[in-house]
Amino acid sequence: KVDVPQLRRVPGQIRAGSYQTEKEKFEIDVIRSLLVSYFDIVRKRMRDLVPKTIMLFVVDQSQKNIQNVLVQELFDPAKADVFLDEPEEVRMRRRDTQALLDLVNKALRELSQ
């Protein structure tokens, strides 16, 4: 047969300050101080985290909204010509490069004959 340790019966009422030795008073003060410090830390972290969390959700929602607007603008059929149109400077460079390429090809043909 295994001996099961018997615990003392829990009192119906516990009164602060009853039957405390100096060591118990010191331990109570230390625990109270630790609890107060712990809750101060938790309060500070919550004050720091709540605005950060709110900003995260605001920024995330704004990002999604902006992305939706940009995609709608990008795929608007009425604006396709605007997006596909190239600047005049690029058009001129391409035309000059094409003329130079034609000239080089003509020179190669002349040289190969």
C-alpha atoms as a PDB file:
ATOM      1  CA  LYS A   1       0.000   0.000   0.000  1.00  0.00           C
ATOM      2  CA  VAL A   2       1.333   3.453  -1.010  1.00  0.00           C
ATOM      3  CA  ASP A   3       1.342   6.214   1.575  1.00  0.00           C
ATOM      4  CA  VAL A   4      -0.329   9.327   0.207  1.00  0.00           C
ATOM      5  CA  PRO A   5       0.852  12.476   1.925  1.00  0.00           C
ATOM      6  CA  GLN A   6      -1.914  14.269   3.759  1.00  0.00           C
ATOM      7  CA  LEU A   7      -2.119  18.027   3.391  1.00  0.00           C
ATOM      8  CA  ARG A   8      -3.362  20.272   6.134  1.00  0.00           C
ATOM      9  CA  ARG A   9      -6.888  21.453   5.766  1.00  0.00           C
ATOM     10  CA  VAL A  10      -7.220  24.853   4.123  1.00  0.00           C
ATOM     11  CA  PRO A  11      -8.695  27.354   6.564  1.00  0.00           C
ATOM     12  CA  GLY A  12     -12.105  28.794   5.746  1.00  0.00           C
ATOM     13  CA  GLN A  13     -10.834  32.330   6.199  1.00  0.00           C
ATOM     14  CA  ILE A  14      -7.404  33.778   5.774  1.00  0.00           C
ATOM     15  CA  ARG A  15      -6.698  37.036   7.478  1.00  0.00           C
ATOM     16  CA  ALA A  16      -3.801  39.223   6.533  1.00  0.00           C
ATOM     17  CA  GLY A  17      -1.426  39.740   9.392  1.00  0.00           C
ATOM     18  CA  SER A  18      -2.533  36.817  11.488  1.00  0.00           C
ATOM     19  CA  TYR A  19       0.266  34.693  12.896  1.00  0.00           C
ATOM     20  CA  GLN A  20       3.055  36.193  10.805  1.00  0.00           C
ATOM     21  CA  THR A  21       6.674  35.891  11.665  1.00  0.00           C
ATOM     22  CA  GLU A  22       9.206  38.478  10.566  1.00  0.00           C
ATOM     23  CA  LYS A  23      10.315  36.165   7.765  1.00  0.00           C
ATOM     24  CA  GLU A  24       6.729  35.749   6.522  1.00  0.00           C
ATOM     25  CA  LYS A  25       6.177  39.515   6.628  1.00  0.00           C
ATOM     26  CA  PHE A  26       9.365  40.022   4.605  1.00  0.00           C
ATOM     27  CA  GLU A  27       8.323  37.368   2.076  1.00  0.00           C
ATOM     28  CA  ILE A  28       4.876  38.947   1.746  1.00  0.00           C
ATOM     29  CA  ASP A  29       6.440  42.364   1.150  1.00  0.00           C
ATOM     30  CA  VAL A  30       8.788  40.901  -1.481  1.00  0.00           C
ATOM     31  CA  ILE A  31       5.915  39.129  -3.264  1.00  0.00           C
ATOM     32  CA  ARG A  32       3.769  42.266  -3.113  1.00  0.00           C
ATOM     33  CA  SER A  33       6.652  44.329  -4.527  1.00  0.00           C
ATOM     34  CA  LEU A  34       7.255  41.784  -7.307  1.00  0.00           C
ATOM     35  CA  LEU A  35       3.558  41.737  -8.215  1.00  0.00           C
ATOM     36  CA  VAL A  36       3.379  45.523  -8.337  1.00  0.00           C
ATOM     37  CA  SER A  37       6.518  45.621 -10.520  1.00  0.00           C
ATOM     38  CA  TYR A  38       5.157  42.890 -12.781  1.00  0.00           C
ATOM     39  CA  PHE A  39       1.847  44.685 -13.301  1.00  0.00           C
ATOM     40  CA  ASP A  40       3.672  47.973 -13.928  1.00  0.00           C
ATOM     41  CA  ILE A  41       5.692  46.231 -16.647  1.00  0.00           C
ATOM     42  CA  VAL A  42       2.555  44.667 -18.141  1.00  0.00           C
ATOM     43  CA  ARG A  43       0.771  48.042 -18.103  1.00  0.00           C
ATOM     44  CA  LYS A  44       3.733  49.731 -19.803  1.00  0.00           C
ATOM     45  CA  ARG A  45       3.948  47.006 -22.471  1.00  0.00           C
ATOM     46  CA  MET A  46       0.231  47.290 -23.148  1.00  0.00           C
ATOM     47  CA  ARG A  47       0.538  51.093 -23.466  1.00  0.00           C
ATOM     48  CA  ASP A  48       3.340  50.508 -25.982  1.00  0.00           C
ATOM     49  CA  LEU A  49       1.728  47.649 -27.910  1.00  0.00           C
ATOM     50  CA  VAL A  50      -1.818  48.921 -28.320  1.00  0.00           C
ATOM     51  CA  PRO A  51      -0.921  51.969 -30.475  1.00  0.00           C
ATOM     52  CA  LYS A  52       1.565  49.866 -32.463  1.00  0.00           C
ATOM     53  CA  THR A  53      -1.079  47.223 -33.109  1.00  0.00           C
ATOM     54  CA  ILE A  54      -3.638  49.823 -34.138  1.00  0.00           C
ATOM     55  CA  MET A  55      -1.137  51.415 -36.521  1.00  0.00           C
ATOM     56  CA  LEU A  56      -0.298  47.998 -37.952  1.00  0.00           C
ATOM     57  CA  PHE A  57      -3.951  47.388 -38.788  1.00  0.00           C
ATOM     58  CA  VAL A  58      -4.392  50.919 -40.162  1.00  0.00           C
ATOM     59  CA  VAL A  59      -1.282  50.642 -42.350  1.00  0.00           C
ATOM     60  CA  ASP A  60      -2.217  47.128 -43.490  1.00  0.00           C
ATOM     61  CA  GLN A  61      -5.752  48.209 -44.424  1.00  0.00           C
ATOM     62  CA  SER A  62      -4.430  51.314 -46.175  1.00  0.00           C
ATOM     63  CA  GLN A  63      -1.961  49.197 -48.130  1.00  0.00           C
ATOM     64  CA  LYS A  64      -4.753  46.892 -49.295  1.00  0.00           C
ATOM     65  CA  ASN A  65      -6.954  49.842 -50.294  1.00  0.00           C
ATOM     66  CA  ILE A  66      -4.138  51.563 -52.187  1.00  0.00           C
ATOM     67  CA  GLN A  67      -3.230  48.329 -53.946  1.00  0.00           C
ATOM     68  CA  ASN A  68      -6.845  47.838 -55.035  1.00  0.00           C
ATOM     69  CA  VAL A  69      -7.035  51.395 -56.389  1.00  0.00           C
ATOM     70  CA  LEU A  70      -3.730  51.010 -58.244  1.00  0.00           C
ATOM     71  CA  VAL A  71      -4.781  47.716 -59.813  1.00  0.00           C
ATOM     72  CA  GLN A  72      -8.093  49.235 -60.913  1.00  0.00           C
ATOM     73  CA  GLU A  73      -6.268  52.195 -62.447  1.00  0.00           C
ATOM     74  CA  LEU A  74      -3.700  49.972 -64.131  1.00  0.00           C
ATOM     75  CA  PHE A  75      -6.252  47.696 -65.777  1.00  0.00           C
ATOM     76  CA  ASP A  76      -8.681  50.437 -66.813  1.00  0.00           C
ATOM     77  CA  PRO A  77      -9.204  49.877 -70.576  1.00  0.00           C
ATOM     78  CA  ALA A  78      -9.776  53.597 -71.154  1.00  0.00           C
ATOM     79  CA  LYS A  79      -6.254  54.344 -69.894  1.00  0.00           C
ATOM     80  CA  ALA A  80      -4.434  51.571 -71.770  1.00  0.00           C
ATOM     81  CA  ASP A  81      -3.204  53.998 -74.446  1.00  0.00           C
ATOM     82  CA  VAL A  82      -1.744  56.277 -71.780  1.00  0.00           C
ATOM     83  CA  PHE A  83       0.271  53.433 -70.260  1.00  0.00           C
ATOM     84  CA  LEU A  84       1.395  52.047 -73.620  1.00  0.00           C
ATOM     85  CA  ASP A  85       2.354  55.395 -75.125  1.00  0.00           C
ATOM     86  CA  GLU A  86       6.090  56.028 -75.068  1.00  0.00           C
ATOM     87  CA  PRO A  87       7.724  59.405 -74.582  1.00  0.00           C
ATOM     88  CA  GLU A  88       8.860  61.332 -77.643  1.00  0.00           C
ATOM     89  CA  GLU A  89      12.504  61.081 -76.546  1.00  0.00           C
ATOM     90  CA  VAL A  90      12.331  57.262 -76.512  1.00  0.00           C
ATOM     91  CA  ARG A  91      10.560  57.248 -79.881  1.00  0.00           C
ATOM     92  CA  MET A  92      13.326  59.406 -81.410  1.00  0.00           C
ATOM     93  CA  ARG A  93      16.106  57.231 -79.947  1.00  0.00           C
ATOM     94  CA  ARG A  94      14.438  54.093 -81.267  1.00  0.00           C
ATOM     95  CA  ARG A  95      14.048  55.654 -84.736  1.00  0.00           C
ATOM     96  CA  ASP A  96      17.713  56.769 -84.761  1.00  0.00           C
ATOM     97  CA  THR A  97      18.869  53.338 -83.588  1.00  0.00           C
ATOM     98  CA  GLN A  98      16.751  51.630 -86.257  1.00  0.00           C
ATOM     99  CA  ALA A  99      18.270  53.930 -88.936  1.00  0.00           C
ATOM    100  CA  LEU A 100      21.757  53.104 -87.667  1.00  0.00           C
ATOM    101  CA  LEU A 101      20.941  49.372 -87.736  1.00  0.00           C
ATOM    102  CA  ASP A 102      19.654  49.670 -91.316  1.00  0.00           C
ATOM    103  CA  LEU A 103      22.839  51.499 -92.295  1.00  0.00           C
ATOM    104  CA  VAL A 104      25.053  48.816 -90.707  1.00  0.00           C
ATOM    105  CA  ASN A 105      23.072  46.035 -92.419  1.00  0.00           C
ATOM    106  CA  LYS A 106      23.403  47.838 -95.770  1.00  0.00           C
ATOM    107  CA  ALA A 107      27.167  48.188 -95.226  1.00  0.00           C
ATOM    108  CA  LEU A 108      27.446  44.480 -94.424  1.00  0.00           C
ATOM    109  CA  ARG A 109      25.581  43.595 -97.599  1.00  0.00           C
ATOM    110  CA  GLU A 110      27.867  45.853 -99.643  1.00  0.00           C
ATOM    111  CA  LEU A 111      30.949  44.313 -98.078  1.00  0.00           C
ATOM    112  CA  SER A 112      29.762  40.758 -98.631  1.00  0.00           C
ATOM    113  CA  GLN A 113      29.223  41.285-102.399  1.00  0.00           C
END
